[in-house]
Each structure stands twice: as structure tokens, then as C-alpha cells.
């Protein structure tokens, strides 16, 4: 059985949908915190079981019968994320999984300025030590993140964020397709993968220009001082710890951590990756 954790999250749900296009539903299992949120998958024949990374004992039954397990990284900030990811990996090994997969990040590094990359790097090390064939999917930076930053720009005509650097913004849909390939195809994406990215890097000046083309409006990119941006974000209702967390993404991008592309993603999915233009168009249509 192919088991996916976090199947009610955006990436996890997309992966399950891609798997349903490839294999019978009775070969797919999902581990979710709240089974009621996966009722639609159960109706389609997917095995749905409760499992919580922060309660490792709950994963024993969730992973029962596992051939391959994809651990979608825990949506937790701080040290708890590594503990949770490691617990899921340990449970997959104990369940007898023949391959364990993990959604890492292109910039995974113990020295990253963006804290999640330190967690990904440590999780990869834990995964490598299990003595089981593994795949660490080094996903490109999720392009859907841009939706948060463009909201104010659509209202004001100004994309005002801190100084940034090039980022290989990559669509969830393409990364889900690659993950489904890794789960179902022998020899696909083994070990720590190259960066799984779209073929271009863009900074926020590029994003503003694309947004202007889509909307037919002038969208001006304005560089804000880090402290000024943090204060403005807090004043608009964002908790200070969250604002300070998001600021580290800009620091990391300025440091060149996301300035990398690689053809592996497109080679794996067999078609061009979605562009930022396409992602933003879809986001605007859904508003």
C-alpha cells in the first residue's frame, strides 16, 4: 500500500489525486489528523486512518501494511517540526515500508537563514540513517506563497516588501505529480533529489511586472526596510513572531538560497512546469 500523510493539506491532497490517476484506490492509504476531513477520499475507495505526527503511537495503525510511505513535512514551526517528522519516519520504518519519502526543500541546509531549511536538513539526515531506501524530494519554493504578498498590491497598486533575491517559484501541482511518480515508479527520484524547480528564477520586481500584465494595471515594486516591513505587517494584524518568520525568507533569498533551477522536475513530469504567470492567473480567477 502507498501511504501519504497530511492528505488534507494542499500538497498532500494533490498527491493523492495524482496517485488515483495511476493506481487503484485500494492501493492508496492516507494518514490524517481528522478523518472526517478525508471523507471524500474514503468514498473514492482510499483507506483513511487517523494519524498524528505529534502522537507517534497513532501512526502504527495508520501505516499498517505500508509498502511506501510519503511523509509530507509537518506544518509546525520550531524544533517540534523535526521531532514530528522524525516520528513519522520512524513509524514508517517500523511498519515495514520498503521506501520512505519525505517532502524536503531545495534550500535544505543546516546553515540556512530560513529556519524551515534547517529542519529539512536535519530530517534528511535522520531519514538517511534508517537503513531503508529513501527519497528526499527537494521541492522548489511553493509559488502559492505569492498569493499572500499580492493581496495588498492588488488593492494599492504597490508591491511593497523587503529587499529580496531570485526565487525558483514552483507550482504545487507539478511537485505533486513528481511525488506521485516517486511513489509509484521504481528507480524514480531516489535519494536526495536535485532541486525540483520550475526553470526560471524571479524576484519580486519580476512578480510585480507579471501581475501588471495580468491585471492591465501598473503594479510598482517598492523596497521596504526590514524593520519597517515588520512593523507594517504587525500593524495590519500579523503576529510579530509570524512577521519575523516571514522576514527570514527575504533574508535567505537575498543570500541566494533559492536562486537555483534544475531540469529534473520537468523531466520527471514529462511536460513544462507551470509558470508564475499561470499560477498568478489561476489565483486571481479563484478570488
C-alpha atoms as a PDB file:
ATOM      1  CA  UNK A   1       0.000   0.000   0.000  1.00  0.00           C
ATOM      2  CA  UNK A   2       1.148   3.528  -0.842  1.00  0.00           C
ATOM      3  CA  UNK A   3       0.554   5.806   2.131  1.00  0.00           C
ATOM      4  CA  UNK A   4       0.513   9.600   2.117  1.00  0.00           C
ATOM      5  CA  UNK A   5       0.500  11.679   5.286  1.00  0.00           C
ATOM      6  CA  UNK A   6      -1.184  15.057   5.560  1.00  0.00           C
ATOM      7  CA  UNK A   7      -3.641  14.235   2.787  1.00  0.00           C
ATOM      8  CA  UNK A   8      -5.995  17.070   3.734  1.00  0.00           C
ATOM      9  CA  UNK A   9      -3.311  19.715   3.181  1.00  0.00           C
ATOM     10  CA  UNK A  10      -2.867  21.288  -0.233  1.00  0.00           C
ATOM     11  CA  UNK A  11       0.178  19.329  -1.354  1.00  0.00           C
ATOM     12  CA  UNK A  12      -0.928  16.054   0.214  1.00  0.00           C
ATOM     13  CA  UNK A  13      -4.377  16.189  -1.365  1.00  0.00           C
ATOM     14  CA  UNK A  14      -2.906  16.938  -4.785  1.00  0.00           C
ATOM     15  CA  UNK A  15      -0.536  13.977  -4.436  1.00  0.00           C
ATOM     16  CA  UNK A  16      -3.388  11.636  -3.588  1.00  0.00           C
ATOM     17  CA  UNK A  17      -5.348  12.854  -6.607  1.00  0.00           C
ATOM     18  CA  UNK A  18      -2.340  12.168  -8.832  1.00  0.00           C
ATOM     19  CA  UNK A  19      -1.997   8.697  -7.325  1.00  0.00           C
ATOM     20  CA  UNK A  20      -5.653   7.968  -8.064  1.00  0.00           C
ATOM     21  CA  UNK A  21      -4.877   8.598 -11.732  1.00  0.00           C
ATOM     22  CA  UNK A  22      -2.128   5.970 -11.612  1.00  0.00           C
ATOM     23  CA  UNK A  23      -3.142   3.114  -9.312  1.00  0.00           C
ATOM     24  CA  UNK A  24      -6.363   1.565  -7.949  1.00  0.00           C
ATOM     25  CA  UNK A  25      -7.800   3.374  -4.940  1.00  0.00           C
ATOM     26  CA  UNK A  26      -7.461   0.285  -2.748  1.00  0.00           C
ATOM     27  CA  UNK A  27      -3.670   0.546  -3.081  1.00  0.00           C
ATOM     28  CA  UNK A  28      -3.674   4.015  -1.513  1.00  0.00           C
ATOM     29  CA  UNK A  29      -3.838   4.869   2.151  1.00  0.00           C
ATOM     30  CA  UNK A  30      -3.796   8.240   3.858  1.00  0.00           C
ATOM     31  CA  UNK A  31      -2.898   9.289   7.358  1.00  0.00           C
ATOM     32  CA  UNK A  32      -4.753  12.369   8.594  1.00  0.00           C
ATOM     33  CA  UNK A  33      -5.325  14.021  11.932  1.00  0.00           C
ATOM     34  CA  UNK A  34      -9.077  14.335  11.357  1.00  0.00           C
ATOM     35  CA  UNK A  35     -10.607  11.512   9.311  1.00  0.00           C
ATOM     36  CA  UNK A  36     -13.809  13.480   8.781  1.00  0.00           C
ATOM     37  CA  UNK A  37     -11.887  15.883   6.545  1.00  0.00           C
ATOM     38  CA  UNK A  38     -10.937  12.996   4.256  1.00  0.00           C
ATOM     39  CA  UNK A  39     -14.438  11.557   3.868  1.00  0.00           C
ATOM     40  CA  UNK A  40     -14.375  12.236   0.130  1.00  0.00           C
ATOM     41  CA  UNK A  41     -11.268  10.082  -0.229  1.00  0.00           C
ATOM     42  CA  UNK A  42     -12.879   7.258   1.734  1.00  0.00           C
ATOM     43  CA  UNK A  43     -15.875   7.441  -0.611  1.00  0.00           C
ATOM     44  CA  UNK A  44     -13.482   7.010  -3.548  1.00  0.00           C
ATOM     45  CA  UNK A  45     -12.064   3.832  -2.015  1.00  0.00           C
ATOM     46  CA  UNK A  46      -8.925   5.219  -0.363  1.00  0.00           C
ATOM     47  CA  UNK A  47      -8.072   3.768   3.056  1.00  0.00           C
ATOM     48  CA  UNK A  48      -8.334   6.620   5.557  1.00  0.00           C
ATOM     49  CA  UNK A  49      -6.879   6.302   9.039  1.00  0.00           C
ATOM     50  CA  UNK A  50      -6.181   8.729  11.848  1.00  0.00           C
ATOM     51  CA  UNK A  51      -2.540   9.534  12.446  1.00  0.00           C
ATOM     52  CA  UNK A  52      -0.838  12.457  14.155  1.00  0.00           C
ATOM     53  CA  UNK A  53       2.907  13.146  13.963  1.00  0.00           C
ATOM     54  CA  UNK A  54       2.789  14.553  17.498  1.00  0.00           C
ATOM     55  CA  UNK A  55       1.237  11.293  18.758  1.00  0.00           C
ATOM     56  CA  UNK A  56       3.565   8.618  17.335  1.00  0.00           C
ATOM     57  CA  UNK A  57       1.528   5.706  18.660  1.00  0.00           C
ATOM     58  CA  UNK A  58      -1.341   6.768  16.409  1.00  0.00           C
ATOM     59  CA  UNK A  59       0.850   6.169  13.367  1.00  0.00           C
ATOM     60  CA  UNK A  60       1.269   2.445  13.962  1.00  0.00           C
ATOM     61  CA  UNK A  61      -2.196   1.581  12.690  1.00  0.00           C
ATOM     62  CA  UNK A  62      -2.178   4.411  10.159  1.00  0.00           C
ATOM     63  CA  UNK A  63       0.917   2.962   8.463  1.00  0.00           C
ATOM     64  CA  UNK A  64      -0.105  -0.679   8.742  1.00  0.00           C
ATOM     65  CA  UNK A  65       0.597  -2.612   5.525  1.00  0.00           C
ATOM     66  CA  UNK A  66       2.823   0.121   4.115  1.00  0.00           C
ATOM     67  CA  UNK A  67       4.920  -0.601   1.034  1.00  0.00           C
ATOM     68  CA  UNK A  68       5.949   3.023   0.573  1.00  0.00           C
ATOM     69  CA  UNK A  69       5.199   5.987   2.813  1.00  0.00           C
ATOM     70  CA  UNK A  70       5.384   9.638   1.819  1.00  0.00           C
ATOM     71  CA  UNK A  71       5.882  11.865   4.844  1.00  0.00           C
ATOM     72  CA  UNK A  72       4.643  15.355   3.982  1.00  0.00           C
ATOM     73  CA  UNK A  73       6.695  17.619   6.248  1.00  0.00           C
ATOM     74  CA  UNK A  74       4.926  18.750   9.396  1.00  0.00           C
ATOM     75  CA  UNK A  75       3.342  22.200   9.271  1.00  0.00           C
ATOM     76  CA  UNK A  76       4.939  23.147  12.576  1.00  0.00           C
ATOM     77  CA  UNK A  77       7.405  25.932  13.296  1.00  0.00           C
ATOM     78  CA  UNK A  78      10.362  25.465  15.577  1.00  0.00           C
ATOM     79  CA  UNK A  79      12.013  22.369  16.989  1.00  0.00           C
ATOM     80  CA  UNK A  80       8.745  20.478  17.154  1.00  0.00           C
ATOM     81  CA  UNK A  81       8.815  20.042  13.389  1.00  0.00           C
ATOM     82  CA  UNK A  82      11.946  17.872  13.452  1.00  0.00           C
ATOM     83  CA  UNK A  83      10.523  15.770  16.268  1.00  0.00           C
ATOM     84  CA  UNK A  84       7.286  15.259  14.356  1.00  0.00           C
ATOM     85  CA  UNK A  85       8.960  14.486  11.022  1.00  0.00           C
ATOM     86  CA  UNK A  86      11.317  12.018  12.692  1.00  0.00           C
ATOM     87  CA  UNK A  87       8.448  10.286  14.482  1.00  0.00           C
ATOM     88  CA  UNK A  88       6.648   9.750  11.174  1.00  0.00           C
ATOM     89  CA  UNK A  89       9.797   8.409   9.513  1.00  0.00           C
ATOM     90  CA  UNK A  90      10.419   6.041  12.437  1.00  0.00           C
ATOM     91  CA  UNK A  91       6.828   4.808  12.281  1.00  0.00           C
ATOM     92  CA  UNK A  92       7.137   4.152   8.542  1.00  0.00           C
ATOM     93  CA  UNK A  93      10.288   2.108   9.099  1.00  0.00           C
ATOM     94  CA  UNK A  94       8.670   0.147  11.929  1.00  0.00           C
ATOM     95  CA  UNK A  95       5.655  -0.539   9.720  1.00  0.00           C
ATOM     96  CA  UNK A  96       7.968  -2.253   7.229  1.00  0.00           C
ATOM     97  CA  UNK A  97       7.904   0.347   4.473  1.00  0.00           C
ATOM     98  CA  UNK A  98      10.245  -0.609   1.647  1.00  0.00           C
ATOM     99  CA  UNK A  99      10.817   3.042   0.742  1.00  0.00           C
ATOM    100  CA  UNK A 100      10.272   6.202   2.788  1.00  0.00           C
ATOM    101  CA  UNK A 101       9.782   9.514   1.012  1.00  0.00           C
ATOM    102  CA  UNK A 102       9.860  12.982   2.520  1.00  0.00           C
ATOM    103  CA  UNK A 103       8.935  16.416   1.171  1.00  0.00           C
ATOM    104  CA  UNK A 104      12.084  18.445   1.749  1.00  0.00           C
ATOM    105  CA  UNK A 105      13.099  21.744   0.178  1.00  0.00           C
ATOM    106  CA  UNK A 106      15.538  22.898  -2.464  1.00  0.00           C
ATOM    107  CA  UNK A 107      17.455  25.016   0.075  1.00  0.00           C
ATOM    108  CA  UNK A 108      17.703  22.430   2.864  1.00  0.00           C
ATOM    109  CA  UNK A 109      20.828  23.304   4.818  1.00  0.00           C
ATOM    110  CA  UNK A 110      21.934  23.456   8.462  1.00  0.00           C
ATOM    111  CA  UNK A 111      23.222  26.978   7.815  1.00  0.00           C
ATOM    112  CA  UNK A 112      20.165  28.415   6.059  1.00  0.00           C
ATOM    113  CA  UNK A 113      18.848  31.816   7.095  1.00  0.00           C
ATOM    114  CA  UNK A 114      15.305  30.437   6.673  1.00  0.00           C
ATOM    115  CA  UNK A 115      14.581  28.208   9.716  1.00  0.00           C
ATOM    116  CA  UNK A 116      12.490  25.533   7.907  1.00  0.00           C
ATOM    117  CA  UNK A 117      15.539  24.644   5.795  1.00  0.00           C
ATOM    118  CA  UNK A 118      17.462  23.687   8.931  1.00  0.00           C
ATOM    119  CA  UNK A 119      14.605  21.369   9.874  1.00  0.00           C
ATOM    120  CA  UNK A 120      14.571  19.836   6.396  1.00  0.00           C
ATOM    121  CA  UNK A 121      18.332  19.254   6.515  1.00  0.00           C
ATOM    122  CA  UNK A 122      18.122  17.567   9.906  1.00  0.00           C
ATOM    123  CA  UNK A 123      15.156  15.459   8.778  1.00  0.00           C
ATOM    124  CA  UNK A 124      17.085  14.336   5.696  1.00  0.00           C
ATOM    125  CA  UNK A 125      19.936  13.212   7.954  1.00  0.00           C
ATOM    126  CA  UNK A 126      17.513  11.244  10.112  1.00  0.00           C
ATOM    127  CA  UNK A 127      15.964   9.688   7.011  1.00  0.00           C
ATOM    128  CA  UNK A 128      19.365   8.608   5.667  1.00  0.00           C
ATOM    129  CA  UNK A 129      20.142   6.792   8.920  1.00  0.00           C
ATOM    130  CA  UNK A 130      17.140   4.442   8.794  1.00  0.00           C
ATOM    131  CA  UNK A 131      18.726   1.754   6.634  1.00  0.00           C
ATOM    132  CA  UNK A 132      15.751   1.856   4.261  1.00  0.00           C
ATOM    133  CA  UNK A 133      15.704   3.079   0.635  1.00  0.00           C
ATOM    134  CA  UNK A 134      14.559   6.676   0.727  1.00  0.00           C
ATOM    135  CA  UNK A 135      13.730   9.756  -1.295  1.00  0.00           C
ATOM    136  CA  UNK A 136      14.033  13.342  -0.092  1.00  0.00           C
ATOM    137  CA  UNK A 137      12.052  15.465  -2.542  1.00  0.00           C
ATOM    138  CA  UNK A 138      13.826  18.813  -2.574  1.00  0.00           C
ATOM    139  CA  UNK A 139      10.825  20.833  -3.655  1.00  0.00           C
ATOM    140  CA  UNK A 140      11.156  24.291  -5.134  1.00  0.00           C
ATOM    141  CA  UNK A 141       9.730  27.232  -3.211  1.00  0.00           C
ATOM    142  CA  UNK A 142       5.943  26.999  -3.373  1.00  0.00           C
ATOM    143  CA  UNK A 143       4.596  29.558  -5.828  1.00  0.00           C
ATOM    144  CA  UNK A 144       1.287  29.668  -3.978  1.00  0.00           C
ATOM    145  CA  UNK A 145       3.079  31.689  -1.285  1.00  0.00           C
ATOM    146  CA  UNK A 146       2.932  34.653  -3.646  1.00  0.00           C
ATOM    147  CA  UNK A 147      -0.827  34.880  -3.121  1.00  0.00           C
ATOM    148  CA  UNK A 148      -0.292  36.401   0.317  1.00  0.00           C
ATOM    149  CA  UNK A 149       2.070  39.107  -0.960  1.00  0.00           C
ATOM    150  CA  UNK A 150      -0.026  40.173  -3.937  1.00  0.00           C
ATOM    151  CA  UNK A 151      -3.205  40.889  -1.967  1.00  0.00           C
ATOM    152  CA  UNK A 152      -2.171  44.383  -0.920  1.00  0.00           C
ATOM    153  CA  UNK A 153      -0.642  45.023  -4.342  1.00  0.00           C
ATOM    154  CA  UNK A 154      -3.998  44.396  -5.997  1.00  0.00           C
ATOM    155  CA  UNK A 155      -5.627  46.917  -3.679  1.00  0.00           C
ATOM    156  CA  UNK A 156      -2.949  49.618  -3.706  1.00  0.00           C
ATOM    157  CA  UNK A 157      -1.001  49.091  -6.928  1.00  0.00           C
ATOM    158  CA  UNK A 158       2.175  48.766  -4.859  1.00  0.00           C
ATOM    159  CA  UNK A 159       4.046  45.535  -4.129  1.00  0.00           C
ATOM    160  CA  UNK A 160       5.900  46.699  -1.025  1.00  0.00           C
ATOM    161  CA  UNK A 161       8.120  44.033   0.548  1.00  0.00           C
ATOM    162  CA  UNK A 162      11.702  43.842   1.842  1.00  0.00           C
ATOM    163  CA  UNK A 163      14.694  43.509  -0.445  1.00  0.00           C
ATOM    164  CA  UNK A 164      14.698  40.018  -1.913  1.00  0.00           C
ATOM    165  CA  UNK A 165      16.599  37.827  -4.338  1.00  0.00           C
ATOM    166  CA  UNK A 166      15.706  35.413  -7.158  1.00  0.00           C
ATOM    167  CA  UNK A 167      13.447  32.503  -6.252  1.00  0.00           C
ATOM    168  CA  UNK A 168      12.546  29.465  -8.356  1.00  0.00           C
ATOM    169  CA  UNK A 169       8.818  29.677  -7.610  1.00  0.00           C
ATOM    170  CA  UNK A 170       7.302  26.243  -8.322  1.00  0.00           C
ATOM    171  CA  UNK A 171       3.681  25.077  -8.513  1.00  0.00           C
ATOM    172  CA  UNK A 172       2.206  22.585  -6.063  1.00  0.00           C
ATOM    173  CA  UNK A 173       0.557  20.741  -8.953  1.00  0.00           C
ATOM    174  CA  UNK A 174       3.889  19.946 -10.615  1.00  0.00           C
ATOM    175  CA  UNK A 175       5.512  18.902  -7.350  1.00  0.00           C
ATOM    176  CA  UNK A 176       2.555  16.639  -6.559  1.00  0.00           C
ATOM    177  CA  UNK A 177       2.944  14.954  -9.924  1.00  0.00           C
ATOM    178  CA  UNK A 178       6.638  14.343  -9.251  1.00  0.00           C
ATOM    179  CA  UNK A 179       5.855  12.906  -5.826  1.00  0.00           C
ATOM    180  CA  UNK A 180       3.297  10.542  -7.334  1.00  0.00           C
ATOM    181  CA  UNK A 181       5.936   9.361  -9.806  1.00  0.00           C
ATOM    182  CA  UNK A 182       8.410   8.734  -6.993  1.00  0.00           C
ATOM    183  CA  UNK A 183       5.807   6.735  -5.093  1.00  0.00           C
ATOM    184  CA  UNK A 184       4.745   4.549  -7.997  1.00  0.00           C
ATOM    185  CA  UNK A 185       7.750   4.139 -10.270  1.00  0.00           C
ATOM    186  CA  UNK A 186      10.776   2.027  -9.371  1.00  0.00           C
ATOM    187  CA  UNK A 187      14.000   3.975  -9.741  1.00  0.00           C
ATOM    188  CA  UNK A 188      12.313   7.378  -9.906  1.00  0.00           C
ATOM    189  CA  UNK A 189      13.917  10.112  -7.809  1.00  0.00           C
ATOM    190  CA  UNK A 190      15.987   8.038  -5.417  1.00  0.00           C
ATOM    191  CA  UNK A 191      17.977   9.509  -2.520  1.00  0.00           C
ATOM    192  CA  UNK A 192      18.230  13.269  -2.101  1.00  0.00           C
ATOM    193  CA  UNK A 193      16.923  14.743  -5.324  1.00  0.00           C
ATOM    194  CA  UNK A 194      18.299  17.712  -7.234  1.00  0.00           C
ATOM    195  CA  UNK A 195      16.217  20.868  -6.751  1.00  0.00           C
ATOM    196  CA  UNK A 196      12.729  20.148  -8.126  1.00  0.00           C
ATOM    197  CA  UNK A 197      12.015  23.544  -9.597  1.00  0.00           C
ATOM    198  CA  UNK A 198      10.426  25.436 -12.419  1.00  0.00           C
ATOM    199  CA  UNK A 199      13.037  26.525 -14.990  1.00  0.00           C
ATOM    200  CA  UNK A 200      13.214  30.220 -14.102  1.00  0.00           C
ATOM    201  CA  UNK A 201      14.013  32.348 -11.060  1.00  0.00           C
ATOM    202  CA  UNK A 202      12.134  35.578 -10.406  1.00  0.00           C
ATOM    203  CA  UNK A 203      12.384  38.307  -7.822  1.00  0.00           C
ATOM    204  CA  UNK A 204       9.524  40.500  -6.623  1.00  0.00           C
ATOM    205  CA  UNK A 205      10.215  43.110  -9.274  1.00  0.00           C
ATOM    206  CA  UNK A 206       9.524  40.385 -11.839  1.00  0.00           C
ATOM    207  CA  UNK A 207       6.395  39.342  -9.940  1.00  0.00           C
ATOM    208  CA  UNK A 208       5.110  42.939  -9.960  1.00  0.00           C
ATOM    209  CA  UNK A 209       5.664  43.155 -13.711  1.00  0.00           C
ATOM    210  CA  UNK A 210       3.818  39.870 -14.317  1.00  0.00           C
ATOM    211  CA  UNK A 211       0.957  40.942 -12.065  1.00  0.00           C
ATOM    212  CA  UNK A 212       0.696  44.176 -14.030  1.00  0.00           C
ATOM    213  CA  UNK A 213       0.469  42.269 -17.334  1.00  0.00           C
ATOM    214  CA  UNK A 214      -2.274  40.021 -15.981  1.00  0.00           C
ATOM    215  CA  UNK A 215      -4.376  42.815 -14.488  1.00  0.00           C
ATOM    216  CA  UNK A 216      -3.631  45.529 -17.035  1.00  0.00           C
ATOM    217  CA  UNK A 217      -2.650  47.833 -14.191  1.00  0.00           C
ATOM    218  CA  UNK A 218       0.623  49.389 -13.128  1.00  0.00           C
ATOM    219  CA  UNK A 219       1.992  47.468 -10.169  1.00  0.00           C
ATOM    220  CA  UNK A 220       5.019  49.187  -8.631  1.00  0.00           C
ATOM    221  CA  UNK A 221       7.633  47.240  -6.709  1.00  0.00           C
ATOM    222  CA  UNK A 222       8.722  49.162  -3.606  1.00  0.00           C
ATOM    223  CA  UNK A 223      11.602  48.012  -1.400  1.00  0.00           C
ATOM    224  CA  UNK A 224      10.847  48.374   2.306  1.00  0.00           C
ATOM    225  CA  UNK A 225      13.336  48.401   5.151  1.00  0.00           C
ATOM    226  CA  UNK A 226      13.168  45.114   7.077  1.00  0.00           C
ATOM    227  CA  UNK A 227      12.082  46.747  10.320  1.00  0.00           C
ATOM    228  CA  UNK A 228       9.597  48.982   8.513  1.00  0.00           C
ATOM    229  CA  UNK A 229       8.017  45.979   6.793  1.00  0.00           C
ATOM    230  CA  UNK A 230       7.840  44.016  10.048  1.00  0.00           C
ATOM    231  CA  UNK A 231       6.159  46.915  11.849  1.00  0.00           C
ATOM    232  CA  UNK A 232       3.693  47.375   8.993  1.00  0.00           C
ATOM    233  CA  UNK A 233       2.850  43.665   8.964  1.00  0.00           C
ATOM    234  CA  UNK A 234       2.240  43.670  12.719  1.00  0.00           C
ATOM    235  CA  UNK A 235       0.130  46.839  12.440  1.00  0.00           C
ATOM    236  CA  UNK A 236      -2.021  45.097   9.819  1.00  0.00           C
ATOM    237  CA  UNK A 237      -2.747  42.233  12.197  1.00  0.00           C
ATOM    238  CA  UNK A 238       0.062  39.732  11.694  1.00  0.00           C
ATOM    239  CA  UNK A 239       1.505  38.372  14.960  1.00  0.00           C
ATOM    240  CA  UNK A 240       5.059  39.612  15.424  1.00  0.00           C
ATOM    241  CA  UNK A 241       6.585  36.099  15.545  1.00  0.00           C
ATOM    242  CA  UNK A 242       4.952  35.339  12.198  1.00  0.00           C
ATOM    243  CA  UNK A 243       6.211  38.603  10.662  1.00  0.00           C
ATOM    244  CA  UNK A 244       9.728  37.907  11.897  1.00  0.00           C
ATOM    245  CA  UNK A 245       9.492  34.381  10.487  1.00  0.00           C
ATOM    246  CA  UNK A 246       8.452  35.607   7.027  1.00  0.00           C
ATOM    247  CA  UNK A 247      11.253  38.155   7.091  1.00  0.00           C
ATOM    248  CA  UNK A 248      13.784  35.303   7.226  1.00  0.00           C
ATOM    249  CA  UNK A 249      12.546  34.164   3.806  1.00  0.00           C
ATOM    250  CA  UNK A 250      13.595  37.513   2.346  1.00  0.00           C
ATOM    251  CA  UNK A 251      16.949  37.300   4.097  1.00  0.00           C
ATOM    252  CA  UNK A 252      17.538  33.837   2.679  1.00  0.00           C
ATOM    253  CA  UNK A 253      16.539  34.900  -0.821  1.00  0.00           C
ATOM    254  CA  UNK A 254      18.924  37.868  -0.630  1.00  0.00           C
ATOM    255  CA  UNK A 255      21.583  35.334   0.314  1.00  0.00           C
ATOM    256  CA  UNK A 256      20.899  33.407  -2.903  1.00  0.00           C
ATOM    257  CA  UNK A 257      19.464  30.320  -1.206  1.00  0.00           C
ATOM    258  CA  UNK A 258      16.553  29.968  -3.638  1.00  0.00           C
ATOM    259  CA  UNK A 259      18.448  31.061  -6.744  1.00  0.00           C
ATOM    260  CA  UNK A 260      18.692  27.601  -8.313  1.00  0.00           C
ATOM    261  CA  UNK A 261      16.930  25.760 -11.092  1.00  0.00           C
ATOM    262  CA  UNK A 262      17.228  22.219 -12.376  1.00  0.00           C
ATOM    263  CA  UNK A 263      15.607  20.256 -15.242  1.00  0.00           C
ATOM    264  CA  UNK A 264      14.786  17.229 -13.070  1.00  0.00           C
ATOM    265  CA  UNK A 265      11.217  18.286 -12.279  1.00  0.00           C
ATOM    266  CA  UNK A 266      10.206  18.788 -15.910  1.00  0.00           C
ATOM    267  CA  UNK A 267      11.993  15.576 -16.924  1.00  0.00           C
ATOM    268  CA  UNK A 268      10.071  13.680 -14.253  1.00  0.00           C
ATOM    269  CA  UNK A 269       6.615  15.029 -15.043  1.00  0.00           C
ATOM    270  CA  UNK A 270       7.164  14.991 -18.795  1.00  0.00           C
ATOM    271  CA  UNK A 271       5.883  18.482 -19.577  1.00  0.00           C
ATOM    272  CA  UNK A 272       6.799  22.121 -18.907  1.00  0.00           C
ATOM    273  CA  UNK A 273       6.391  23.290 -15.322  1.00  0.00           C
ATOM    274  CA  UNK A 274       3.746  25.904 -14.603  1.00  0.00           C
ATOM    275  CA  UNK A 275       4.980  29.461 -14.811  1.00  0.00           C
ATOM    276  CA  UNK A 276       4.436  32.160 -12.207  1.00  0.00           C
ATOM    277  CA  UNK A 277       2.199  33.867 -14.765  1.00  0.00           C
ATOM    278  CA  UNK A 278      -0.024  30.779 -14.871  1.00  0.00           C
ATOM    279  CA  UNK A 279      -0.033  30.406 -11.080  1.00  0.00           C
ATOM    280  CA  UNK A 280      -0.991  34.041 -10.516  1.00  0.00           C
ATOM    281  CA  UNK A 281      -3.663  33.929 -13.208  1.00  0.00           C
ATOM    282  CA  UNK A 282      -5.240  30.931 -11.508  1.00  0.00           C
ATOM    283  CA  UNK A 283      -5.044  32.633  -8.114  1.00  0.00           C
ATOM    284  CA  UNK A 284      -6.808  35.727  -9.446  1.00  0.00           C
ATOM    285  CA  UNK A 285      -9.526  33.636 -11.135  1.00  0.00           C
ATOM    286  CA  UNK A 286     -10.256  31.893  -7.853  1.00  0.00           C
ATOM    287  CA  UNK A 287     -10.793  35.129  -5.930  1.00  0.00           C
END
